[in-house]
Amino acid sequence: AKDAASALGQATQDAVSQITDAGQKAVDKACKTTQDG
């Protein structure tokens, strides 16, 4: 049970990191597009 909880916690952290990275890339692209405009 502890191993499963640890794996779930790591998977959740990985998912949050990926979402955060994707969000940052989207913001960066929007800023670049706005700056170019």
PDB file of all heavy atoms in Angstrom:
ATOM      1  N   ALA A   1       0.830  -1.205   0.000  1.00  0.00           N
ATOM      2  CA  ALA A   1       0.000   0.000   0.000  1.00  0.00           C
ATOM      3  C   ALA A   1       0.867   1.259   0.000  1.00  0.00           C
ATOM      4  O   ALA A   1       0.579   2.227  -0.717  1.00  0.00           O
ATOM      5  CB  ALA A   1      -0.935  -0.003   1.206  1.00  0.00           C
ATOM      6  N   LYS A   2       1.944   1.246   0.777  1.00  0.00           N
ATOM      7  CA  LYS A   2       2.855   2.400   0.808  1.00  0.00           C
ATOM      8  C   LYS A   2       3.533   2.588  -0.551  1.00  0.00           C
ATOM      9  O   LYS A   2       3.675   3.718  -1.031  1.00  0.00           O
ATOM     10  CB  LYS A   2       3.908   2.223   1.905  1.00  0.00           C
ATOM     11  CG  LYS A   2       3.358   2.411   3.296  1.00  0.00           C
ATOM     12  CD  LYS A   2       4.433   2.190   4.344  1.00  0.00           C
ATOM     13  CE  LYS A   2       3.874   2.301   5.744  1.00  0.00           C
ATOM     14  NZ  LYS A   2       4.878   2.032   6.773  1.00  0.00           N
ATOM     15  N   ASP A   3       3.945   1.474  -1.163  1.00  0.00           N
ATOM     16  CA  ASP A   3       4.573   1.561  -2.483  1.00  0.00           C
ATOM     17  C   ASP A   3       3.596   2.125  -3.513  1.00  0.00           C
ATOM     18  O   ASP A   3       3.962   2.958  -4.348  1.00  0.00           O
ATOM     19  CB  ASP A   3       5.068   0.183  -2.938  1.00  0.00           C
ATOM     20  CG  ASP A   3       6.265  -0.308  -2.135  1.00  0.00           C
ATOM     21  OD1 ASP A   3       6.883   0.509  -1.418  1.00  0.00           O
ATOM     22  OD2 ASP A   3       6.571  -1.512  -2.233  1.00  0.00           O
ATOM     23  N   ALA A   4       2.347   1.660  -3.444  1.00  0.00           N
ATOM     24  CA  ALA A   4       1.332   2.144  -4.388  1.00  0.00           C
ATOM     25  C   ALA A   4       1.070   3.633  -4.174  1.00  0.00           C
ATOM     26  O   ALA A   4       0.955   4.405  -5.140  1.00  0.00           O
ATOM     27  CB  ALA A   4       0.043   1.344  -4.227  1.00  0.00           C
ATOM     28  N   ALA A   5       0.990   4.046  -2.914  1.00  0.00           N
ATOM     29  CA  ALA A   5       0.759   5.465  -2.616  1.00  0.00           C
ATOM     30  C   ALA A   5       1.929   6.308  -3.098  1.00  0.00           C
ATOM     31  O   ALA A   5       1.746   7.398  -3.659  1.00  0.00           O
ATOM     32  CB  ALA A   5       0.537   5.654  -1.120  1.00  0.00           C
ATOM     33  N   SER A   6       3.134   5.800  -2.917  1.00  0.00           N
ATOM     34  CA  SER A   6       4.321   6.532  -3.367  1.00  0.00           C
ATOM     35  C   SER A   6       4.330   6.653  -4.890  1.00  0.00           C
ATOM     36  O   SER A   6       4.623   7.724  -5.437  1.00  0.00           O
ATOM     37  CB  SER A   6       5.577   5.809  -2.889  1.00  0.00           C
ATOM     38  OG  SER A   6       6.731   6.473  -3.353  1.00  0.00           O
ATOM     39  N   ALA A   7       3.998   5.558  -5.578  1.00  0.00           N
ATOM     40  CA  ALA A   7       3.959   5.589  -7.045  1.00  0.00           C
ATOM     41  C   ALA A   7       2.885   6.548  -7.534  1.00  0.00           C
ATOM     42  O   ALA A   7       3.095   7.299  -8.495  1.00  0.00           O
ATOM     43  CB  ALA A   7       3.702   4.181  -7.590  1.00  0.00           C
ATOM     44  N   LEU A   8       1.732   6.548  -6.867  1.00  0.00           N
ATOM     45  CA  LEU A   8       0.663   7.469  -7.244  1.00  0.00           C
ATOM     46  C   LEU A   8       1.086   8.916  -7.015  1.00  0.00           C
ATOM     47  O   LEU A   8       0.853   9.784  -7.861  1.00  0.00           O
ATOM     48  CB  LEU A   8      -0.609   7.163  -6.443  1.00  0.00           C
ATOM     49  CG  LEU A   8      -1.798   8.088  -6.697  1.00  0.00           C
ATOM     50  CD1 LEU A   8      -2.227   8.039  -8.160  1.00  0.00           C
ATOM     51  CD2 LEU A   8      -2.951   7.727  -5.780  1.00  0.00           C
ATOM     52  N   GLY A   9       1.747   9.166  -5.903  1.00  0.00           N
ATOM     53  CA  GLY A   9       2.226  10.519  -5.623  1.00  0.00           C
ATOM     54  C   GLY A   9       3.225  10.984  -6.666  1.00  0.00           C
ATOM     55  O   GLY A   9       3.170  12.120  -7.132  1.00  0.00           O
ATOM     56  N   GLN A  10       4.138  10.095  -7.068  1.00  0.00           N
ATOM     57  CA  GLN A  10       5.131  10.459  -8.084  1.00  0.00           C
ATOM     58  C   GLN A  10       4.458  10.700  -9.431  1.00  0.00           C
ATOM     59  O   GLN A  10       4.800  11.638 -10.143  1.00  0.00           O
ATOM     60  CB  GLN A  10       6.193   9.362  -8.215  1.00  0.00           C
ATOM     61  CG  GLN A  10       7.317   9.737  -9.160  1.00  0.00           C
ATOM     62  CD  GLN A  10       8.075  10.991  -8.737  1.00  0.00           C
ATOM     63  OE1 GLN A  10       8.506  11.092  -7.610  1.00  0.00           O
ATOM     64  NE2 GLN A  10       8.221  11.944  -9.632  1.00  0.00           N
ATOM     65  N   ALA A  11       3.495   9.848  -9.773  1.00  0.00           N
ATOM     66  CA  ALA A  11       2.781  10.019 -11.041  1.00  0.00           C
ATOM     67  C   ALA A  11       2.015  11.339 -11.057  1.00  0.00           C
ATOM     68  O   ALA A  11       1.987  12.047 -12.075  1.00  0.00           O
ATOM     69  CB  ALA A  11       1.823   8.847 -11.272  1.00  0.00           C
ATOM     70  N   THR A  12       1.423  11.671  -9.931  1.00  0.00           N
ATOM     71  CA  THR A  12       0.698  12.947  -9.829  1.00  0.00           C
ATOM     72  C   THR A  12       1.658  14.124  -9.983  1.00  0.00           C
ATOM     73  O   THR A  12       1.372  15.085 -10.706  1.00  0.00           O
ATOM     74  CB  THR A  12      -0.036  13.032  -8.476  1.00  0.00           C
ATOM     75  OG1 THR A  12      -0.945  11.936  -8.368  1.00  0.00           O
ATOM     76  CG2 THR A  12      -0.799  14.329  -8.340  1.00  0.00           C
ATOM     77  N   GLN A  13       2.805  14.047  -9.324  1.00  0.00           N
ATOM     78  CA  GLN A  13       3.804  15.121  -9.433  1.00  0.00           C
ATOM     79  C   GLN A  13       4.296  15.259 -10.865  1.00  0.00           C
ATOM     80  O   GLN A  13       4.453  16.370 -11.367  1.00  0.00           O
ATOM     81  CB  GLN A  13       4.974  14.842  -8.490  1.00  0.00           C
ATOM     82  CG  GLN A  13       6.030  15.934  -8.517  1.00  0.00           C
ATOM     83  CD  GLN A  13       5.490  17.293  -8.119  1.00  0.00           C
ATOM     84  OE1 GLN A  13       4.774  17.421  -7.141  1.00  0.00           O
ATOM     85  NE2 GLN A  13       5.815  18.321  -8.875  1.00  0.00           N
ATOM     86  N   ASP A  14       4.528  14.123 -11.528  1.00  0.00           N
ATOM     87  CA  ASP A  14       4.968  14.160 -12.925  1.00  0.00           C
ATOM     88  C   ASP A  14       3.906  14.818 -13.810  1.00  0.00           C
ATOM     89  O   ASP A  14       4.233  15.619 -14.694  1.00  0.00           O
ATOM     90  CB  ASP A  14       5.273  12.749 -13.434  1.00  0.00           C
ATOM     91  CG  ASP A  14       6.509  12.144 -12.788  1.00  0.00           C
ATOM     92  OD1 ASP A  14       7.280  12.893 -12.131  1.00  0.00           O
ATOM     93  OD2 ASP A  14       6.710  10.924 -12.926  1.00  0.00           O
ATOM     94  N   ALA A  15       2.646  14.477 -13.576  1.00  0.00           N
ATOM     95  CA  ALA A  15       1.557  15.060 -14.373  1.00  0.00           C
ATOM     96  C   ALA A  15       1.467  16.565 -14.133  1.00  0.00           C
ATOM     97  O   ALA A  15       1.302  17.339 -15.088  1.00  0.00           O
ATOM     98  CB  ALA A  15       0.234  14.381 -14.025  1.00  0.00           C
ATOM     99  N   VAL A  16       1.586  16.977 -12.893  1.00  0.00           N
ATOM    100  CA  VAL A  16       1.537  18.413 -12.576  1.00  0.00           C
ATOM    101  C   VAL A  16       2.694  19.142 -13.254  1.00  0.00           C
ATOM    102  O   VAL A  16       2.521  20.228 -13.814  1.00  0.00           O
ATOM    103  CB  VAL A  16       1.553  18.637 -11.048  1.00  0.00           C
ATOM    104  CG1 VAL A  16       1.790  20.099 -10.707  1.00  0.00           C
ATOM    105  CG2 VAL A  16       0.246  18.159 -10.433  1.00  0.00           C
ATOM    106  N   SER A  17       3.877  18.535 -13.230  1.00  0.00           N
ATOM    107  CA  SER A  17       5.037  19.152 -13.877  1.00  0.00           C
ATOM    108  C   SER A  17       4.819  19.302 -15.381  1.00  0.00           C
ATOM    109  O   SER A  17       5.146  20.333 -15.965  1.00  0.00           O
ATOM    110  CB  SER A  17       6.289  18.312 -13.616  1.00  0.00           C
ATOM    111  OG  SER A  17       6.622  18.341 -12.260  1.00  0.00           O
ATOM    112  N   GLN A  18       4.254  18.274 -16.006  1.00  0.00           N
ATOM    113  CA  GLN A  18       4.000  18.337 -17.450  1.00  0.00           C
ATOM    114  C   GLN A  18       2.969  19.410 -17.770  1.00  0.00           C
ATOM    115  O   GLN A  18       3.117  20.155 -18.740  1.00  0.00           O
ATOM    116  CB  GLN A  18       3.528  16.977 -17.963  1.00  0.00           C
ATOM    117  CG  GLN A  18       4.625  15.940 -17.995  1.00  0.00           C
ATOM    118  CD  GLN A  18       4.134  14.573 -18.419  1.00  0.00           C
ATOM    119  OE1 GLN A  18       2.948  14.370 -18.665  1.00  0.00           O
ATOM    120  NE2 GLN A  18       5.048  13.624 -18.504  1.00  0.00           N
ATOM    121  N   ILE A  19       1.932  19.493 -16.950  1.00  0.00           N
ATOM    122  CA  ILE A  19       0.899  20.517 -17.169  1.00  0.00           C
ATOM    123  C   ILE A  19       1.492  21.904 -16.985  1.00  0.00           C
ATOM    124  O   ILE A  19       1.228  22.826 -17.771  1.00  0.00           O
ATOM    125  CB  ILE A  19      -0.294  20.280 -16.220  1.00  0.00           C
ATOM    126  CG1 ILE A  19      -1.035  19.003 -16.627  1.00  0.00           C
ATOM    127  CG2 ILE A  19      -1.235  21.466 -16.198  1.00  0.00           C
ATOM    128  CD1 ILE A  19      -2.033  18.501 -15.602  1.00  0.00           C
ATOM    129  N   THR A  20       2.313  22.067 -15.964  1.00  0.00           N
ATOM    130  CA  THR A  20       2.955  23.357 -15.703  1.00  0.00           C
ATOM    131  C   THR A  20       3.862  23.753 -16.868  1.00  0.00           C
ATOM    132  O   THR A  20       3.837  24.905 -17.324  1.00  0.00           O
ATOM    133  CB  THR A  20       3.761  23.302 -14.395  1.00  0.00           C
ATOM    134  OG1 THR A  20       2.876  22.966 -13.329  1.00  0.00           O
ATOM    135  CG2 THR A  20       4.425  24.625 -14.096  1.00  0.00           C
ATOM    136  N   ASP A  21       4.646  22.797 -17.346  1.00  0.00           N
ATOM    137  CA  ASP A  21       5.534  23.070 -18.481  1.00  0.00           C
ATOM    138  C   ASP A  21       4.730  23.452 -19.720  1.00  0.00           C
ATOM    139  O   ASP A  21       5.078  24.404 -20.427  1.00  0.00           O
ATOM    140  CB  ASP A  21       6.407  21.853 -18.796  1.00  0.00           C
ATOM    141  CG  ASP A  21       7.465  21.600 -17.732  1.00  0.00           C
ATOM    142  OD1 ASP A  21       7.710  22.490 -16.894  1.00  0.00           O
ATOM    143  OD2 ASP A  21       8.051  20.493 -17.740  1.00  0.00           O
ATOM    144  N   ALA A  22       3.663  22.718 -19.985  1.00  0.00           N
ATOM    145  CA  ALA A  22       2.828  23.017 -21.153  1.00  0.00           C
ATOM    146  C   ALA A  22       2.187  24.395 -21.015  1.00  0.00           C
ATOM    147  O   ALA A  22       2.125  25.160 -21.984  1.00  0.00           O
ATOM    148  CB  ALA A  22       1.754  21.941 -21.322  1.00  0.00           C
ATOM    149  N   GLY A  23       1.732  24.717 -19.812  1.00  0.00           N
ATOM    150  CA  GLY A  23       1.136  26.034 -19.576  1.00  0.00           C
ATOM    151  C   GLY A  23       2.144  27.149 -19.777  1.00  0.00           C
ATOM    152  O   GLY A  23       1.836  28.181 -20.383  1.00  0.00           O
ATOM    153  N   GLN A  24       3.366  26.945 -19.303  1.00  0.00           N
ATOM    154  CA  GLN A  24       4.409  27.958 -19.465  1.00  0.00           C
ATOM    155  C   GLN A  24       4.746  28.146 -20.931  1.00  0.00           C
ATOM    156  O   GLN A  24       4.933  29.275 -21.395  1.00  0.00           O
ATOM    157  CB  GLN A  24       5.660  27.573 -18.677  1.00  0.00           C
ATOM    158  CG  GLN A  24       6.735  28.644 -18.715  1.00  0.00           C
ATOM    159  CD  GLN A  24       6.284  29.955 -18.106  1.00  0.00           C
ATOM    160  OE1 GLN A  24       5.777  29.978 -16.992  1.00  0.00           O
ATOM    161  NE2 GLN A  24       6.455  31.050 -18.806  1.00  0.00           N
ATOM    162  N   LYS A  25       4.809  27.056 -21.680  1.00  0.00           N
ATOM    163  CA  LYS A  25       5.098  27.160 -23.115  1.00  0.00           C
ATOM    164  C   LYS A  25       3.985  27.911 -23.833  1.00  0.00           C
ATOM    165  O   LYS A  25       4.251  28.718 -24.722  1.00  0.00           O
ATOM    166  CB  LYS A  25       5.278  25.763 -23.713  1.00  0.00           C
ATOM    167  CG  LYS A  25       6.589  25.125 -23.325  1.00  0.00           C
ATOM    168  CD  LYS A  25       6.737  23.726 -23.895  1.00  0.00           C
ATOM    169  CE  LYS A  25       8.033  23.092 -23.419  1.00  0.00           C
ATOM    170  NZ  LYS A  25       8.169  21.704 -23.874  1.00  0.00           N
ATOM    171  N   ALA A  26       2.741  27.661 -23.442  1.00  0.00           N
ATOM    172  CA  ALA A  26       1.617  28.370 -24.060  1.00  0.00           C
ATOM    173  C   ALA A  26       1.675  29.867 -23.753  1.00  0.00           C
ATOM    174  O   ALA A  26       1.440  30.696 -24.634  1.00  0.00           O
ATOM    175  CB  ALA A  26       0.294  27.778 -23.574  1.00  0.00           C
ATOM    176  N   VAL A  27       2.006  30.204 -22.515  1.00  0.00           N
ATOM    177  CA  VAL A  27       2.119  31.615 -22.131  1.00  0.00           C
ATOM    178  C   VAL A  27       3.272  32.273 -22.892  1.00  0.00           C
ATOM    179  O   VAL A  27       3.134  33.395 -23.399  1.00  0.00           O
ATOM    180  CB  VAL A  27       2.314  31.753 -20.610  1.00  0.00           C
ATOM    181  CG1 VAL A  27       2.728  33.158 -20.234  1.00  0.00           C
ATOM    182  CG2 VAL A  27       1.045  31.354 -19.877  1.00  0.00           C
ATOM    183  N   ASP A  28       4.396  31.580 -22.979  1.00  0.00           N
ATOM    184  CA  ASP A  28       5.546  32.120 -23.715  1.00  0.00           C
ATOM    185  C   ASP A  28       5.190  32.382 -25.166  1.00  0.00           C
ATOM    186  O   ASP A  28       5.548  33.423 -25.726  1.00  0.00           O
ATOM    187  CB  ASP A  28       6.734  31.162 -23.636  1.00  0.00           C
ATOM    188  CG  ASP A  28       7.357  31.090 -22.249  1.00  0.00           C
ATOM    189  OD1 ASP A  28       7.039  31.956 -21.403  1.00  0.00           O
ATOM    190  OD2 ASP A  28       8.156  30.162 -22.012  1.00  0.00           O
ATOM    191  N   LYS A  29       4.482  31.434 -25.783  1.00  0.00           N
ATOM    192  CA  LYS A  29       4.102  31.601 -27.192  1.00  0.00           C
ATOM    193  C   LYS A  29       3.129  32.770 -27.347  1.00  0.00           C
ATOM    194  O   LYS A  29       3.251  33.567 -28.276  1.00  0.00           O
ATOM    195  CB  LYS A  29       3.483  30.316 -27.728  1.00  0.00           C
ATOM    196  CG  LYS A  29       3.139  30.421 -29.185  1.00  0.00           C
ATOM    197  CD  LYS A  29       2.710  29.117 -29.796  1.00  0.00           C
ATOM    198  CE  LYS A  29       2.396  29.380 -31.254  1.00  0.00           C
ATOM    199  NZ  LYS A  29       2.457  28.230 -32.076  1.00  0.00           N
ATOM    200  N   ALA A  30       2.169  32.878 -26.436  1.00  0.00           N
ATOM    201  CA  ALA A  30       1.212  33.982 -26.505  1.00  0.00           C
ATOM    202  C   ALA A  30       1.919  35.324 -26.349  1.00  0.00           C
ATOM    203  O   ALA A  30       1.620  36.284 -27.068  1.00  0.00           O
ATOM    204  CB  ALA A  30       0.134  33.817 -25.436  1.00  0.00           C
ATOM    205  N   CYS A  31       2.871  35.393 -25.433  1.00  0.00           N
ATOM    206  CA  CYS A  31       3.625  36.640 -25.238  1.00  0.00           C
ATOM    207  C   CYS A  31       4.436  36.987 -26.477  1.00  0.00           C
ATOM    208  O   CYS A  31       4.478  38.144 -26.891  1.00  0.00           O
ATOM    209  CB  CYS A  31       4.550  36.517 -24.026  1.00  0.00           C
ATOM    210  SG  CYS A  31       3.677  36.508 -22.459  1.00  0.00           S
ATOM    211  N   LYS A  32       5.077  35.986 -27.069  1.00  0.00           N
ATOM    212  CA  LYS A  32       5.878  36.210 -28.274  1.00  0.00           C
ATOM    213  C   LYS A  32       4.986  36.693 -29.417  1.00  0.00           C
ATOM    214  O   LYS A  32       5.342  37.629 -30.142  1.00  0.00           O
ATOM    215  CB  LYS A  32       6.606  34.912 -28.657  1.00  0.00           C
ATOM    216  CG  LYS A  32       7.380  34.997 -29.949  1.00  0.00           C
ATOM    217  CD  LYS A  32       8.579  35.906 -29.828  1.00  0.00           C
ATOM    218  CE  LYS A  32       9.424  35.806 -31.083  1.00  0.00           C
ATOM    219  NZ  LYS A  32       9.987  37.071 -31.475  1.00  0.00           N
ATOM    220  N   THR A  33       3.835  36.053 -29.579  1.00  0.00           N
ATOM    221  CA  THR A  33       2.902  36.450 -30.640  1.00  0.00           C
ATOM    222  C   THR A  33       2.423  37.878 -30.420  1.00  0.00           C
ATOM    223  O   THR A  33       2.360  38.672 -31.366  1.00  0.00           O
ATOM    224  CB  THR A  33       1.703  35.481 -30.671  1.00  0.00           C
ATOM    225  OG1 THR A  33       2.192  34.159 -30.914  1.00  0.00           O
ATOM    226  CG2 THR A  33       0.716  35.851 -31.753  1.00  0.00           C
ATOM    227  N   THR A  34       2.105  38.212 -29.177  1.00  0.00           N
ATOM    228  CA  THR A  34       1.667  39.574 -28.855  1.00  0.00           C
ATOM    229  C   THR A  34       2.779  40.575 -29.110  1.00  0.00           C
ATOM    230  O   THR A  34       2.550  41.638 -29.702  1.00  0.00           O
ATOM    231  CB  THR A  34       1.212  39.649 -27.385  1.00  0.00           C
ATOM    232  OG1 THR A  34       0.148  38.712 -27.181  1.00  0.00           O
ATOM    233  CG2 THR A  34       0.732  41.036 -27.029  1.00  0.00           C
ATOM    234  N   GLN A  35       3.988  40.244 -28.690  1.00  0.00           N
ATOM    235  CA  GLN A  35       5.127  41.137 -28.900  1.00  0.00           C
ATOM    236  C   GLN A  35       5.364  41.360 -30.392  1.00  0.00           C
ATOM    237  O   GLN A  35       5.595  42.489 -30.828  1.00  0.00           O
ATOM    238  CB  GLN A  35       6.381  40.546 -28.259  1.00  0.00           C
ATOM    239  CG  GLN A  35       7.605  41.424 -28.406  1.00  0.00           C
ATOM    240  CD  GLN A  35       8.842  40.803 -27.758  1.00  0.00           C
ATOM    241  OE1 GLN A  35       8.793  39.708 -27.222  1.00  0.00           O
ATOM    242  NE2 GLN A  35       9.937  41.513 -27.822  1.00  0.00           N
ATOM    243  N   ASP A  36       5.307  40.283 -31.179  1.00  0.00           N
ATOM    244  CA  ASP A  36       5.489  40.413 -32.628  1.00  0.00           C
ATOM    245  C   ASP A  36       4.415  41.307 -33.231  1.00  0.00           C
ATOM    246  O   ASP A  36       4.695  42.144 -34.091  1.00  0.00           O
ATOM    247  CB  ASP A  36       5.462  39.034 -33.300  1.00  0.00           C
ATOM    248  CG  ASP A  36       6.688  38.191 -32.967  1.00  0.00           C
ATOM    249  OD1 ASP A  36       7.668  38.727 -32.402  1.00  0.00           O
ATOM    250  OD2 ASP A  36       6.653  36.976 -33.263  1.00  0.00           O
ATOM    251  N   GLY A  37       3.178  41.139 -32.767  1.00  0.00           N
ATOM    252  CA  GLY A  37       2.076  41.967 -33.271  1.00  0.00           C
ATOM    253  C   GLY A  37       2.261  43.430 -32.921  1.00  0.00           C
ATOM    254  O   GLY A  37       2.017  44.310 -33.752  1.00  0.00           O
TER     255      GLY A  37
END
